Amino acid sequence: MASPGHTSAGGSVAQKRSGSLFAAVLATLAIAAVTGWVWRMALAVPFHLDDHHTVTDNLEIRDLGNCGRFLRHFFARGVFKTGLAINYALAAKLPGGEPRPEAFHAVNLGIHLLNAVLAFLL
């Protein structure tokens, strides 16, 4: 019979937990690296098509105070507009002030990477 803290397969429970934590961290880093590598070229793409009226010319998303109003209209793309406002605000904090396409895309990629990692960790 195995003693407390040890498994019958010959390793402590703590060792197995640290091994699975290492595997989770490694998988998370792999997800982030592959996603970043695949989408790296998107950072250099300029704003185009609906980006102009949705992002660059949309004064509504420049104020994070509007997020509550966006979410009250959930089915009228409130989450989408709130995401744009957060993305725009974070991109505006990067050097250069006014969000440039590469800053906007980098923040967007970062948000999606974070969500992919969080979904994996579930």
PDB file of N, CA and C in Angstrom:
ATOM      1  N   MET A   1       0.840  -1.178   0.000  1.00  0.00           N
ATOM      2  CA  MET A   1       0.000   0.000   0.000  1.00  0.00           C
ATOM      3  C   MET A   1       0.889   1.245   0.000  1.00  0.00           C
ATOM      4  N   ALA A   2       0.543   2.219  -0.771  1.00  0.00           N
ATOM      5  CA  ALA A   2       1.346   3.441  -0.887  1.00  0.00           C
ATOM      6  C   ALA A   2       1.135   4.321   0.338  1.00  0.00           C
ATOM      7  N   SER A   3       2.210   4.941   0.776  1.00  0.00           N
ATOM      8  CA  SER A   3       2.119   5.847   1.919  1.00  0.00           C
ATOM      9  C   SER A   3       1.550   7.184   1.450  1.00  0.00           C
ATOM     10  N   PRO A   4       1.010   7.985   2.391  1.00  0.00           N
ATOM     11  CA  PRO A   4       0.466   9.290   2.000  1.00  0.00           C
ATOM     12  C   PRO A   4       1.534  10.131   1.305  1.00  0.00           C
ATOM     13  N   GLY A   5       1.144  10.797   0.251  1.00  0.00           N
ATOM     14  CA  GLY A   5       2.082  11.640  -0.490  1.00  0.00           C
ATOM     15  C   GLY A   5       2.821  10.902  -1.587  1.00  0.00           C
ATOM     16  N   HIS A   6       2.619   9.605  -1.695  1.00  0.00           N
ATOM     17  CA  HIS A   6       3.256   8.822  -2.743  1.00  0.00           C
ATOM     18  C   HIS A   6       2.203   8.056  -3.519  1.00  0.00           C
ATOM     19  N   THR A   7       2.460   7.833  -4.762  1.00  0.00           N
ATOM     20  CA  THR A   7       1.552   7.041  -5.571  1.00  0.00           C
ATOM     21  C   THR A   7       2.126   5.646  -5.708  1.00  0.00           C
ATOM     22  N   SER A   8       1.275   4.720  -6.058  1.00  0.00           N
ATOM     23  CA  SER A   8       1.739   3.344  -6.210  1.00  0.00           C
ATOM     24  C   SER A   8       2.636   3.189  -7.434  1.00  0.00           C
ATOM     25  N   ALA A   9       2.615   4.155  -8.351  1.00  0.00           N
ATOM     26  CA  ALA A   9       3.433   4.065  -9.560  1.00  0.00           C
ATOM     27  C   ALA A   9       4.866   4.534  -9.309  1.00  0.00           C
ATOM     28  N   GLY A  10       5.180   4.965  -8.089  1.00  0.00           N
ATOM     29  CA  GLY A  10       6.567   5.278  -7.785  1.00  0.00           C
ATOM     30  C   GLY A  10       6.957   6.732  -7.849  1.00  0.00           C
ATOM     31  N   GLY A  11       6.080   7.644  -7.776  1.00  0.00           N
ATOM     32  CA  GLY A  11       6.432   9.058  -7.743  1.00  0.00           C
ATOM     33  C   GLY A  11       5.523   9.762  -6.770  1.00  0.00           C
ATOM     34  N   SER A  12       5.995  10.817  -6.165  1.00  0.00           N
ATOM     35  CA  SER A  12       5.149  11.530  -5.209  1.00  0.00           C
ATOM     36  C   SER A  12       4.070  12.304  -5.960  1.00  0.00           C
ATOM     37  N   VAL A  13       3.008  12.591  -5.246  1.00  0.00           N
ATOM     38  CA  VAL A  13       1.913  13.375  -5.827  1.00  0.00           C
ATOM     39  C   VAL A  13       2.435  14.752  -6.230  1.00  0.00           C
ATOM     40  N   ALA A  14       3.304  15.338  -5.392  1.00  0.00           N
ATOM     41  CA  ALA A  14       3.873  16.655  -5.702  1.00  0.00           C
ATOM     42  C   ALA A  14       4.681  16.615  -6.989  1.00  0.00           C
ATOM     43  N   GLN A  15       5.432  15.532  -7.211  1.00  0.00           N
ATOM     44  CA  GLN A  15       6.218  15.412  -8.440  1.00  0.00           C
ATOM     45  C   GLN A  15       5.307  15.331  -9.657  1.00  0.00           C
ATOM     46  N   LYS A  16       4.234  14.578  -9.538  1.00  0.00           N
ATOM     47  CA  LYS A  16       3.307  14.457 -10.672  1.00  0.00           C
ATOM     48  C   LYS A  16       2.608  15.774 -10.943  1.00  0.00           C
ATOM     49  N   ARG A  17       2.236  16.508  -9.889  1.00  0.00           N
ATOM     50  CA  ARG A  17       1.586  17.807 -10.070  1.00  0.00           C
ATOM     51  C   ARG A  17       2.534  18.790 -10.731  1.00  0.00           C
ATOM     52  N   SER A  18       3.803  18.814 -10.297  1.00  0.00           N
ATOM     53  CA  SER A  18       4.748  19.753 -10.905  1.00  0.00           C
ATOM     54  C   SER A  18       5.013  19.377 -12.353  1.00  0.00           C
ATOM     55  N   GLY A  19       4.991  18.076 -12.667  1.00  0.00           N
ATOM     56  CA  GLY A  19       5.156  17.647 -14.058  1.00  0.00           C
ATOM     57  C   GLY A  19       3.998  18.079 -14.922  1.00  0.00           C
ATOM     58  N   SER A  20       2.772  17.978 -14.390  1.00  0.00           N
ATOM     59  CA  SER A  20       1.619  18.396 -15.184  1.00  0.00           C
ATOM     60  C   SER A  20       1.562  19.920 -15.294  1.00  0.00           C
ATOM     61  N   LEU A  21       2.020  20.638 -14.266  1.00  0.00           N
ATOM     62  CA  LEU A  21       2.095  22.095 -14.346  1.00  0.00           C
ATOM     63  C   LEU A  21       3.108  22.516 -15.401  1.00  0.00           C
ATOM     64  N   PHE A  22       4.253  21.849 -15.431  1.00  0.00           N
ATOM     65  CA  PHE A  22       5.271  22.136 -16.438  1.00  0.00           C
ATOM     66  C   PHE A  22       4.715  21.876 -17.839  1.00  0.00           C
ATOM     67  N   ALA A  23       3.991  20.774 -17.998  1.00  0.00           N
ATOM     68  CA  ALA A  23       3.399  20.458 -19.307  1.00  0.00           C
ATOM     69  C   ALA A  23       2.385  21.522 -19.713  1.00  0.00           C
ATOM     70  N   ALA A  24       1.589  22.009 -18.753  1.00  0.00           N
ATOM     71  CA  ALA A  24       0.593  23.044 -19.054  1.00  0.00           C
ATOM     72  C   ALA A  24       1.275  24.351 -19.443  1.00  0.00           C
ATOM     73  N   VAL A  25       2.331  24.714 -18.729  1.00  0.00           N
ATOM     74  CA  VAL A  25       3.067  25.945 -19.052  1.00  0.00           C
ATOM     75  C   VAL A  25       3.716  25.814 -20.426  1.00  0.00           C
ATOM     76  N   LEU A  26       4.306  24.670 -20.690  1.00  0.00           N
ATOM     77  CA  LEU A  26       4.948  24.436 -21.986  1.00  0.00           C
ATOM     78  C   LEU A  26       3.925  24.492 -23.124  1.00  0.00           C
ATOM     79  N   ALA A  27       2.768  23.867 -22.922  1.00  0.00           N
ATOM     80  CA  ALA A  27       1.723  23.899 -23.950  1.00  0.00           C
ATOM     81  C   ALA A  27       1.208  25.321 -24.157  1.00  0.00           C
ATOM     82  N   THR A  28       1.065  26.075 -23.074  1.00  0.00           N
ATOM     83  CA  THR A  28       0.613  27.458 -23.165  1.00  0.00           C
ATOM     84  C   THR A  28       1.597  28.304 -23.959  1.00  0.00           C
ATOM     85  N   LEU A  29       2.876  28.139 -23.668  1.00  0.00           N
ATOM     86  CA  LEU A  29       3.902  28.877 -24.413  1.00  0.00           C
ATOM     87  C   LEU A  29       3.918  28.463 -25.881  1.00  0.00           C
ATOM     88  N   ALA A  30       3.692  27.182 -26.143  1.00  0.00           N
ATOM     89  CA  ALA A  30       3.647  26.707 -27.530  1.00  0.00           C
ATOM     90  C   ALA A  30       2.468  27.334 -28.276  1.00  0.00           C
ATOM     91  N   ILE A  31       1.314  27.393 -27.621  1.00  0.00           N
ATOM     92  CA  ILE A  31       0.134  28.025 -28.238  1.00  0.00           C
ATOM     93  C   ILE A  31       0.440  29.486 -28.565  1.00  0.00           C
ATOM     94  N   ALA A  32       1.021  30.195 -27.606  1.00  0.00           N
ATOM     95  CA  ALA A  32       1.335  31.609 -27.815  1.00  0.00           C
ATOM     96  C   ALA A  32       2.361  31.789 -28.927  1.00  0.00           C
ATOM     97  N   ALA A  33       3.396  30.944 -28.944  1.00  0.00           N
ATOM     98  CA  ALA A  33       4.451  31.070 -29.957  1.00  0.00           C
ATOM     99  C   ALA A  33       3.917  30.785 -31.359  1.00  0.00           C
ATOM    100  N   VAL A  34       3.166  29.715 -31.507  1.00  0.00           N
ATOM    101  CA  VAL A  34       2.636  29.355 -32.828  1.00  0.00           C
ATOM    102  C   VAL A  34       1.651  30.414 -33.309  1.00  0.00           C
ATOM    103  N   THR A  35       0.769  30.856 -32.419  1.00  0.00           N
ATOM    104  CA  THR A  35      -0.205  31.877 -32.812  1.00  0.00           C
ATOM    105  C   THR A  35       0.497  33.171 -33.201  1.00  0.00           C
ATOM    106  N   GLY A  36       1.465  33.589 -32.411  1.00  0.00           N
ATOM    107  CA  GLY A  36       2.221  34.793 -32.733  1.00  0.00           C
ATOM    108  C   GLY A  36       2.951  34.675 -34.056  1.00  0.00           C
ATOM    109  N   TRP A  37       3.535  33.514 -34.298  1.00  0.00           N
ATOM    110  CA  TRP A  37       4.269  33.310 -35.552  1.00  0.00           C
ATOM    111  C   TRP A  37       3.316  33.339 -36.746  1.00  0.00           C
ATOM    112  N   VAL A  38       2.170  32.679 -36.617  1.00  0.00           N
ATOM    113  CA  VAL A  38       1.216  32.627 -37.730  1.00  0.00           C
ATOM    114  C   VAL A  38       0.685  34.021 -38.058  1.00  0.00           C
ATOM    115  N   TRP A  39       0.402  34.816 -37.036  1.00  0.00           N
ATOM    116  CA  TRP A  39      -0.224  36.117 -37.247  1.00  0.00           C
ATOM    117  C   TRP A  39       0.764  37.275 -37.316  1.00  0.00           C
ATOM    118  N   ARG A  40       2.056  37.017 -37.306  1.00  0.00           N
ATOM    119  CA  ARG A  40       3.058  38.085 -37.279  1.00  0.00           C
ATOM    120  C   ARG A  40       2.951  39.034 -38.469  1.00  0.00           C
ATOM    121  N   MET A  41       2.584  38.531 -39.608  1.00  0.00           N
ATOM    122  CA  MET A  41       2.498  39.371 -40.804  1.00  0.00           C
ATOM    123  C   MET A  41       1.302  40.318 -40.749  1.00  0.00           C
ATOM    124  N   ALA A  42       0.303  39.988 -39.955  1.00  0.00           N
ATOM    125  CA  ALA A  42      -0.884  40.834 -39.854  1.00  0.00           C
ATOM    126  C   ALA A  42      -0.573  42.164 -39.180  1.00  0.00           C
ATOM    127  N   LEU A  43       0.496  42.219 -38.418  1.00  0.00           N
ATOM    128  CA  LEU A  43       0.825  43.460 -37.712  1.00  0.00           C
ATOM    129  C   LEU A  43       1.160  44.596 -38.669  1.00  0.00           C
ATOM    130  N   ALA A  44       1.673  44.276 -39.845  1.00  0.00           N
ATOM    131  CA  ALA A  44       2.084  45.303 -40.808  1.00  0.00           C
ATOM    132  C   ALA A  44       0.965  45.705 -41.768  1.00  0.00           C
ATOM    133  N   VAL A  45      -0.200  45.094 -41.647  1.00  0.00           N
ATOM    134  CA  VAL A  45      -1.299  45.384 -42.568  1.00  0.00           C
ATOM    135  C   VAL A  45      -1.959  46.701 -42.174  1.00  0.00           C
ATOM    136  N   PRO A  46      -2.132  47.620 -43.121  1.00  0.00           N
ATOM    137  CA  PRO A  46      -2.772  48.902 -42.781  1.00  0.00           C
ATOM    138  C   PRO A  46      -4.272  48.718 -42.548  1.00  0.00           C
ATOM    139  N   PHE A  47      -4.889  49.747 -41.993  1.00  0.00           N
ATOM    140  CA  PHE A  47      -6.343  49.725 -41.866  1.00  0.00           C
ATOM    141  C   PHE A  47      -6.941  49.700 -43.266  1.00  0.00           C
ATOM    142  N   HIS A  48      -8.025  48.952 -43.456  1.00  0.00           N
ATOM    143  CA  HIS A  48      -8.675  48.885 -44.757  1.00  0.00           C
ATOM    144  C   HIS A  48     -10.148  48.531 -44.590  1.00  0.00           C
ATOM    145  N   LEU A  49     -10.894  48.587 -45.655  1.00  0.00           N
ATOM    146  CA  LEU A  49     -12.319  48.253 -45.710  1.00  0.00           C
ATOM    147  C   LEU A  49     -13.083  48.896 -44.560  1.00  0.00           C
ATOM    148  N   ASP A  50     -13.706  48.082 -43.697  1.00  0.00           N
ATOM    149  CA  ASP A  50     -14.548  48.648 -42.638  1.00  0.00           C
ATOM    150  C   ASP A  50     -13.752  49.189 -41.451  1.00  0.00           C
ATOM    151  N   ASP A  51     -12.416  49.041 -41.464  1.00  0.00           N
ATOM    152  CA  ASP A  51     -11.613  49.575 -40.361  1.00  0.00           C
ATOM    153  C   ASP A  51     -11.740  51.086 -40.245  1.00  0.00           C
ATOM    154  N   HIS A  52     -11.964  51.749 -41.361  1.00  0.00           N
ATOM    155  CA  HIS A  52     -12.028  53.209 -41.324  1.00  0.00           C
ATOM    156  C   HIS A  52     -13.263  53.687 -40.568  1.00  0.00           C
ATOM    157  N   HIS A  53     -14.427  53.179 -40.913  1.00  0.00           N
ATOM    158  CA  HIS A  53     -15.616  53.653 -40.188  1.00  0.00           C
ATOM    159  C   HIS A  53     -15.779  52.954 -38.838  1.00  0.00           C
ATOM    160  N   THR A  54     -15.197  51.777 -38.674  1.00  0.00           N
ATOM    161  CA  THR A  54     -15.325  51.046 -37.416  1.00  0.00           C
ATOM    162  C   THR A  54     -14.286  51.481 -36.387  1.00  0.00           C
ATOM    163  N   VAL A  55     -13.088  51.843 -36.854  1.00  0.00           N
ATOM    164  CA  VAL A  55     -11.993  52.154 -35.932  1.00  0.00           C
ATOM    165  C   VAL A  55     -11.528  53.598 -36.062  1.00  0.00           C
ATOM    166  N   THR A  56     -10.913  53.931 -37.178  1.00  0.00           N
ATOM    167  CA  THR A  56     -10.228  55.233 -37.271  1.00  0.00           C
ATOM    168  C   THR A  56     -11.174  56.426 -37.243  1.00  0.00           C
ATOM    169  N   ASP A  57     -12.344  56.311 -37.833  1.00  0.00           N
ATOM    170  CA  ASP A  57     -13.285  57.433 -37.874  1.00  0.00           C
ATOM    171  C   ASP A  57     -14.375  57.331 -36.810  1.00  0.00           C
ATOM    172  N   ASN A  58     -14.314  56.333 -35.962  1.00  0.00           N
ATOM    173  CA  ASN A  58     -15.352  56.094 -34.959  1.00  0.00           C
ATOM    174  C   ASN A  58     -14.973  56.785 -33.649  1.00  0.00           C
ATOM    175  N   LEU A  59     -15.503  57.965 -33.425  1.00  0.00           N
ATOM    176  CA  LEU A  59     -15.192  58.722 -32.215  1.00  0.00           C
ATOM    177  C   LEU A  59     -15.786  58.080 -30.969  1.00  0.00           C
ATOM    178  N   GLU A  60     -16.836  57.295 -31.153  1.00  0.00           N
ATOM    179  CA  GLU A  60     -17.528  56.664 -30.035  1.00  0.00           C
ATOM    180  C   GLU A  60     -16.626  55.710 -29.244  1.00  0.00           C
ATOM    181  N   ILE A  61     -15.728  54.983 -29.937  1.00  0.00           N
ATOM    182  CA  ILE A  61     -14.905  53.989 -29.253  1.00  0.00           C
ATOM    183  C   ILE A  61     -13.684  54.596 -28.573  1.00  0.00           C
ATOM    184  N   ARG A  62     -13.468  55.883 -28.747  1.00  0.00           N
ATOM    185  CA  ARG A  62     -12.280  56.511 -28.158  1.00  0.00           C
ATOM    186  C   ARG A  62     -12.439  56.799 -26.673  1.00  0.00           C
ATOM    187  N   ASP A  63     -13.635  56.646 -26.155  1.00  0.00           N
ATOM    188  CA  ASP A  63     -13.894  56.914 -24.742  1.00  0.00           C
ATOM    189  C   ASP A  63     -14.361  55.628 -24.072  1.00  0.00           C
ATOM    190  N   LEU A  64     -13.550  55.122 -23.133  1.00  0.00           N
ATOM    191  CA  LEU A  64     -13.916  53.891 -22.432  1.00  0.00           C
ATOM    192  C   LEU A  64     -15.178  54.067 -21.598  1.00  0.00           C
ATOM    193  N   GLY A  65     -15.552  55.283 -21.332  1.00  0.00           N
ATOM    194  CA  GLY A  65     -16.784  55.543 -20.594  1.00  0.00           C
ATOM    195  C   GLY A  65     -18.019  55.078 -21.353  1.00  0.00           C
ATOM    196  N   ASN A  66     -17.906  54.880 -22.640  1.00  0.00           N
ATOM    197  CA  ASN A  66     -19.027  54.406 -23.451  1.00  0.00           C
ATOM    198  C   ASN A  66     -19.249  52.902 -23.329  1.00  0.00           C
ATOM    199  N   CYS A  67     -18.322  52.167 -22.727  1.00  0.00           N
ATOM    200  CA  CYS A  67     -18.425  50.707 -22.667  1.00  0.00           C
ATOM    201  C   CYS A  67     -19.710  50.242 -21.992  1.00  0.00           C
ATOM    202  N   GLY A  68     -20.097  50.908 -20.903  1.00  0.00           N
ATOM    203  CA  GLY A  68     -21.341  50.524 -20.229  1.00  0.00           C
ATOM    204  C   GLY A  68     -22.536  50.674 -21.141  1.00  0.00           C
ATOM    205  N   ARG A  69     -22.556  51.745 -21.911  1.00  0.00           N
ATOM    206  CA  ARG A  69     -23.657  51.968 -22.854  1.00  0.00           C
ATOM    207  C   ARG A  69     -23.649  50.907 -23.951  1.00  0.00           C
ATOM    208  N   PHE A  70     -22.458  50.533 -24.411  1.00  0.00           N
ATOM    209  CA  PHE A  70     -22.369  49.494 -25.446  1.00  0.00           C
ATOM    210  C   PHE A  70     -22.958  48.185 -24.932  1.00  0.00           C
ATOM    211  N   LEU A  71     -22.619  47.833 -23.692  1.00  0.00           N
ATOM    212  CA  LEU A  71     -23.069  46.553 -23.145  1.00  0.00           C
ATOM    213  C   LEU A  71     -24.566  46.540 -22.857  1.00  0.00           C
ATOM    214  N   ARG A  72     -25.176  47.688 -22.641  1.00  0.00           N
ATOM    215  CA  ARG A  72     -26.635  47.729 -22.450  1.00  0.00           C
ATOM    216  C   ARG A  72     -27.343  47.345 -23.751  1.00  0.00           C
ATOM    217  N   HIS A  73     -26.644  47.526 -24.850  1.00  0.00           N
ATOM    218  CA  HIS A  73     -27.201  47.164 -26.158  1.00  0.00           C
ATOM    219  C   HIS A  73     -26.479  45.927 -26.677  1.00  0.00           C
ATOM    220  N   PHE A  74     -26.445  44.900 -25.834  1.00  0.00           N
ATOM    221  CA  PHE A  74     -25.675  43.695 -26.103  1.00  0.00           C
ATOM    222  C   PHE A  74     -25.949  43.117 -27.489  1.00  0.00           C
ATOM    223  N   PHE A  75     -27.202  43.014 -27.864  1.00  0.00           N
ATOM    224  CA  PHE A  75     -27.534  42.379 -29.134  1.00  0.00           C
ATOM    225  C   PHE A  75     -27.314  43.301 -30.324  1.00  0.00           C
ATOM    226  N   ALA A  76     -27.016  44.554 -30.066  1.00  0.00           N
ATOM    227  CA  ALA A  76     -26.681  45.490 -31.146  1.00  0.00           C
ATOM    228  C   ALA A  76     -25.164  45.630 -31.208  1.00  0.00           C
ATOM    229  N   ARG A  77     -24.472  44.514 -31.058  1.00  0.00           N
ATOM    230  CA  ARG A  77     -23.010  44.428 -31.161  1.00  0.00           C
ATOM    231  C   ARG A  77     -22.298  45.186 -30.051  1.00  0.00           C
ATOM    232  N   GLY A  78     -22.894  45.198 -28.856  1.00  0.00           N
ATOM    233  CA  GLY A  78     -22.307  45.890 -27.719  1.00  0.00           C
ATOM    234  C   GLY A  78     -20.967  45.328 -27.296  1.00  0.00           C
ATOM    235  N   VAL A  79     -20.836  44.013 -27.277  1.00  0.00           N
ATOM    236  CA  VAL A  79     -19.560  43.401 -26.892  1.00  0.00           C
ATOM    237  C   VAL A  79     -18.496  43.739 -27.926  1.00  0.00           C
ATOM    238  N   PHE A  80     -18.866  43.720 -29.189  1.00  0.00           N
ATOM    239  CA  PHE A  80     -17.933  44.065 -30.261  1.00  0.00           C
ATOM    240  C   PHE A  80     -17.424  45.494 -30.090  1.00  0.00           C
ATOM    241  N   LYS A  81     -18.347  46.434 -29.852  1.00  0.00           N
ATOM    242  CA  LYS A  81     -17.953  47.840 -29.699  1.00  0.00           C
ATOM    243  C   LYS A  81     -17.117  48.033 -28.435  1.00  0.00           C
ATOM    244  N   THR A  82     -17.454  47.324 -27.363  1.00  0.00           N
ATOM    245  CA  THR A  82     -16.669  47.423 -26.135  1.00  0.00           C
ATOM    246  C   THR A  82     -15.266  46.892 -26.375  1.00  0.00           C
ATOM    247  N   GLY A  83     -15.159  45.788 -27.091  1.00  0.00           N
ATOM    248  CA  GLY A  83     -13.841  45.245 -27.435  1.00  0.00           C
ATOM    249  C   GLY A  83     -13.034  46.217 -28.264  1.00  0.00           C
ATOM    250  N   LEU A  84     -13.677  46.875 -29.210  1.00  0.00           N
ATOM    251  CA  LEU A  84     -12.989  47.886 -30.019  1.00  0.00           C
ATOM    252  C   LEU A  84     -12.503  49.039 -29.154  1.00  0.00           C
ATOM    253  N   ALA A  85     -13.354  49.481 -28.232  1.00  0.00           N
ATOM    254  CA  ALA A  85     -12.982  50.606 -27.374  1.00  0.00           C
ATOM    255  C   ALA A  85     -11.792  50.243 -26.490  1.00  0.00           C
ATOM    256  N   ILE A  86     -11.804  49.045 -25.931  1.00  0.00           N
ATOM    257  CA  ILE A  86     -10.686  48.615 -25.085  1.00  0.00           C
ATOM    258  C   ILE A  86      -9.420  48.487 -25.924  1.00  0.00           C
ATOM    259  N   ASN A  87      -9.539  47.868 -27.091  1.00  0.00           N
ATOM    260  CA  ASN A  87      -8.400  47.710 -27.989  1.00  0.00           C
ATOM    261  C   ASN A  87      -7.843  49.077 -28.374  1.00  0.00           C
ATOM    262  N   TYR A  88      -8.728  49.997 -28.730  1.00  0.00           N
ATOM    263  CA  TYR A  88      -8.301  51.337 -29.152  1.00  0.00           C
ATOM    264  C   TYR A  88      -7.585  52.050 -28.000  1.00  0.00           C
ATOM    265  N   ALA A  89      -8.153  51.964 -26.796  1.00  0.00           N
ATOM    266  CA  ALA A  89      -7.564  52.637 -25.640  1.00  0.00           C
ATOM    267  C   ALA A  89      -6.183  52.069 -25.326  1.00  0.00           C
ATOM    268  N   LEU A  90      -6.039  50.751 -25.368  1.00  0.00           N
ATOM    269  CA  LEU A  90      -4.740  50.144 -25.089  1.00  0.00           C
ATOM    270  C   LEU A  90      -3.725  50.500 -26.176  1.00  0.00           C
ATOM    271  N   ALA A  91      -4.158  50.483 -27.423  1.00  0.00           N
ATOM    272  CA  ALA A  91      -3.252  50.820 -28.528  1.00  0.00           C
ATOM    273  C   ALA A  91      -2.829  52.286 -28.450  1.00  0.00           C
ATOM    274  N   ALA A  92      -3.714  53.149 -27.979  1.00  0.00           N
ATOM    275  CA  ALA A  92      -3.387  54.568 -27.855  1.00  0.00           C
ATOM    276  C   ALA A  92      -2.343  54.810 -26.774  1.00  0.00           C
ATOM    277  N   LYS A  93      -2.229  53.882 -25.817  1.00  0.00           N
ATOM    278  CA  LYS A  93      -1.239  54.018 -24.740  1.00  0.00           C
ATOM    279  C   LYS A  93       0.164  53.650 -25.207  1.00  0.00           C
ATOM    280  N   LEU A  94       0.265  52.961 -26.321  1.00  0.00           N
ATOM    281  CA  LEU A  94       1.576  52.590 -26.851  1.00  0.00           C
ATOM    282  C   LEU A  94       2.251  53.830 -27.423  1.00  0.00           C
ATOM    283  N   PRO A  95       3.571  53.814 -27.546  1.00  0.00           N
ATOM    284  CA  PRO A  95       4.272  54.993 -28.084  1.00  0.00           C
ATOM    285  C   PRO A  95       3.694  55.418 -29.437  1.00  0.00           C
ATOM    286  N   GLY A  96       3.483  56.691 -29.578  1.00  0.00           N
ATOM    287  CA  GLY A  96       2.942  57.216 -30.820  1.00  0.00           C
ATOM    288  C   GLY A  96       1.561  57.820 -30.647  1.00  0.00           C
ATOM    289  N   GLY A  97       0.942  57.593 -29.499  1.00  0.00           N
ATOM    290  CA  GLY A  97      -0.356  58.200 -29.215  1.00  0.00           C
ATOM    291  C   GLY A  97      -1.490  57.591 -30.006  1.00  0.00           C
ATOM    292  N   GLU A  98      -1.883  58.253 -31.052  1.00  0.00           N
ATOM    293  CA  GLU A  98      -2.997  57.786 -31.894  1.00  0.00           C
ATOM    294  C   GLU A  98      -2.700  56.375 -32.373  1.00  0.00           C
ATOM    295  N   PRO A  99      -3.644  55.447 -32.194  1.00  0.00           N
ATOM    296  CA  PRO A  99      -3.359  54.068 -32.599  1.00  0.00           C
ATOM    297  C   PRO A  99      -3.002  53.943 -34.078  1.00  0.00           C
ATOM    298  N   ARG A 100      -1.853  53.395 -34.301  1.00  0.00           N
ATOM    299  CA  ARG A 100      -1.420  53.051 -35.646  1.00  0.00           C
ATOM    300  C   ARG A 100      -1.907  51.630 -35.926  1.00  0.00           C
ATOM    301  N   PRO A 101      -2.042  51.260 -37.173  1.00  0.00           N
ATOM    302  CA  PRO A 101      -2.536  49.909 -37.476  1.00  0.00           C
ATOM    303  C   PRO A 101      -1.734  48.807 -36.779  1.00  0.00           C
ATOM    304  N   GLU A 102      -0.399  48.925 -36.765  1.00  0.00           N
ATOM    305  CA  GLU A 102       0.397  47.861 -36.151  1.00  0.00           C
ATOM    306  C   GLU A 102       0.170  47.786 -34.644  1.00  0.00           C
ATOM    307  N   ALA A 103      -0.028  48.931 -33.985  1.00  0.00           N
ATOM    308  CA  ALA A 103      -0.315  48.924 -32.547  1.00  0.00           C
ATOM    309  C   ALA A 103      -1.695  48.332 -32.278  1.00  0.00           C
ATOM    310  N   PHE A 104      -2.672  48.737 -33.085  1.00  0.00           N
ATOM    311  CA  PHE A 104      -4.037  48.222 -32.937  1.00  0.00           C
ATOM    312  C   PHE A 104      -4.050  46.708 -33.138  1.00  0.00           C
ATOM    313  N   HIS A 105      -3.364  46.236 -34.191  1.00  0.00           N
ATOM    314  CA  HIS A 105      -3.316  44.794 -34.473  1.00  0.00           C
ATOM    315  C   HIS A 105      -2.539  44.046 -33.399  1.00  0.00           C
ATOM    316  N   ALA A 106      -1.474  44.646 -32.867  1.00  0.00           N
ATOM    317  CA  ALA A 106      -0.687  43.979 -31.814  1.00  0.00           C
ATOM    318  C   ALA A 106      -1.519  43.807 -30.545  1.00  0.00           C
ATOM    319  N   VAL A 107      -2.272  44.836 -30.168  1.00  0.00           N
ATOM    320  CA  VAL A 107      -3.141  44.719 -28.993  1.00  0.00           C
ATOM    321  C   VAL A 107      -4.206  43.658 -29.247  1.00  0.00           C
ATOM    322  N   ASN A 108      -4.784  43.668 -30.435  1.00  0.00           N
ATOM    323  CA  ASN A 108      -5.802  42.686 -30.784  1.00  0.00           C
ATOM    324  C   ASN A 108      -5.231  41.272 -30.710  1.00  0.00           C
ATOM    325  N   LEU A 109      -4.039  41.080 -31.247  1.00  0.00           N
ATOM    326  CA  LEU A 109      -3.388  39.773 -31.194  1.00  0.00           C
ATOM    327  C   LEU A 109      -3.122  39.375 -29.744  1.00  0.00           C
ATOM    328  N   GLY A 110      -2.661  40.324 -28.932  1.00  0.00           N
ATOM    329  CA  GLY A 110      -2.410  40.037 -27.526  1.00  0.00           C
ATOM    330  C   GLY A 110      -3.664  39.612 -26.786  1.00  0.00           C
ATOM    331  N   ILE A 111      -4.779  40.292 -27.048  1.00  0.00           N
ATOM    332  CA  ILE A 111      -6.057  39.934 -26.421  1.00  0.00           C
ATOM    333  C   ILE A 111      -6.466  38.519 -26.831  1.00  0.00           C
ATOM    334  N   HIS A 112      -6.312  38.201 -28.115  1.00  0.00           N
ATOM    335  CA  HIS A 112      -6.683  36.868 -28.587  1.00  0.00           C
ATOM    336  C   HIS A 112      -5.740  35.794 -28.039  1.00  0.00           C
ATOM    337  N   LEU A 113      -4.455  36.087 -27.942  1.00  0.00           N
ATOM    338  CA  LEU A 113      -3.514  35.136 -27.336  1.00  0.00           C
ATOM    339  C   LEU A 113      -3.879  34.864 -25.882  1.00  0.00           C
ATOM    340  N   LEU A 114      -4.183  35.918 -25.155  1.00  0.00           N
ATOM    341  CA  LEU A 114      -4.576  35.754 -23.755  1.00  0.00           C
ATOM    342  C   LEU A 114      -5.821  34.877 -23.644  1.00  0.00           C
ATOM    343  N   ASN A 115      -6.800  35.114 -24.507  1.00  0.00           N
ATOM    344  CA  ASN A 115      -8.021  34.299 -24.486  1.00  0.00           C
ATOM    345  C   ASN A 115      -7.745  32.851 -24.854  1.00  0.00           C
ATOM    346  N   ALA A 116      -6.851  32.620 -25.809  1.00  0.00           N
ATOM    347  CA  ALA A 116      -6.500  31.247 -26.183  1.00  0.00           C
ATOM    348  C   ALA A 116      -5.843  30.521 -25.008  1.00  0.00           C
ATOM    349  N   VAL A 117      -4.956  31.209 -24.315  1.00  0.00           N
ATOM    350  CA  VAL A 117      -4.287  30.610 -23.158  1.00  0.00           C
ATOM    351  C   VAL A 117      -5.291  30.332 -22.048  1.00  0.00           C
ATOM    352  N   LEU A 118      -6.175  31.292 -21.772  1.00  0.00           N
ATOM    353  CA  LEU A 118      -7.195  31.086 -20.730  1.00  0.00           C
ATOM    354  C   LEU A 118      -8.124  29.935 -21.083  1.00  0.00           C
ATOM    355  N   ALA A 119      -8.518  29.832 -22.343  1.00  0.00           N
ATOM    356  CA  ALA A 119      -9.369  28.719 -22.768  1.00  0.00           C
ATOM    357  C   ALA A 119      -8.633  27.386 -22.612  1.00  0.00           C
ATOM    358  N   PHE A 120      -7.356  27.353 -22.931  1.00  0.00           N
ATOM    359  CA  PHE A 120      -6.574  26.135 -22.771  1.00  0.00           C
ATOM    360  C   PHE A 120      -6.491  25.731 -21.307  1.00  0.00           C
ATOM    361  N   LEU A 121      -6.313  26.706 -20.425  1.00  0.00           N
ATOM    362  CA  LEU A 121      -6.147  26.406 -19.005  1.00  0.00           C
ATOM    363  C   LEU A 121      -7.442  25.935 -18.339  1.00  0.00           C
ATOM    364  N   LEU A 122      -8.578  26.162 -18.997  1.00  0.00           N
ATOM    365  CA  LEU A 122      -9.829  25.654 -18.445  1.00  0.00           C
ATOM    366  C   LEU A 122      -9.781  24.146 -18.430  1.00  0.00           C
TER     367      LEU A 122
END
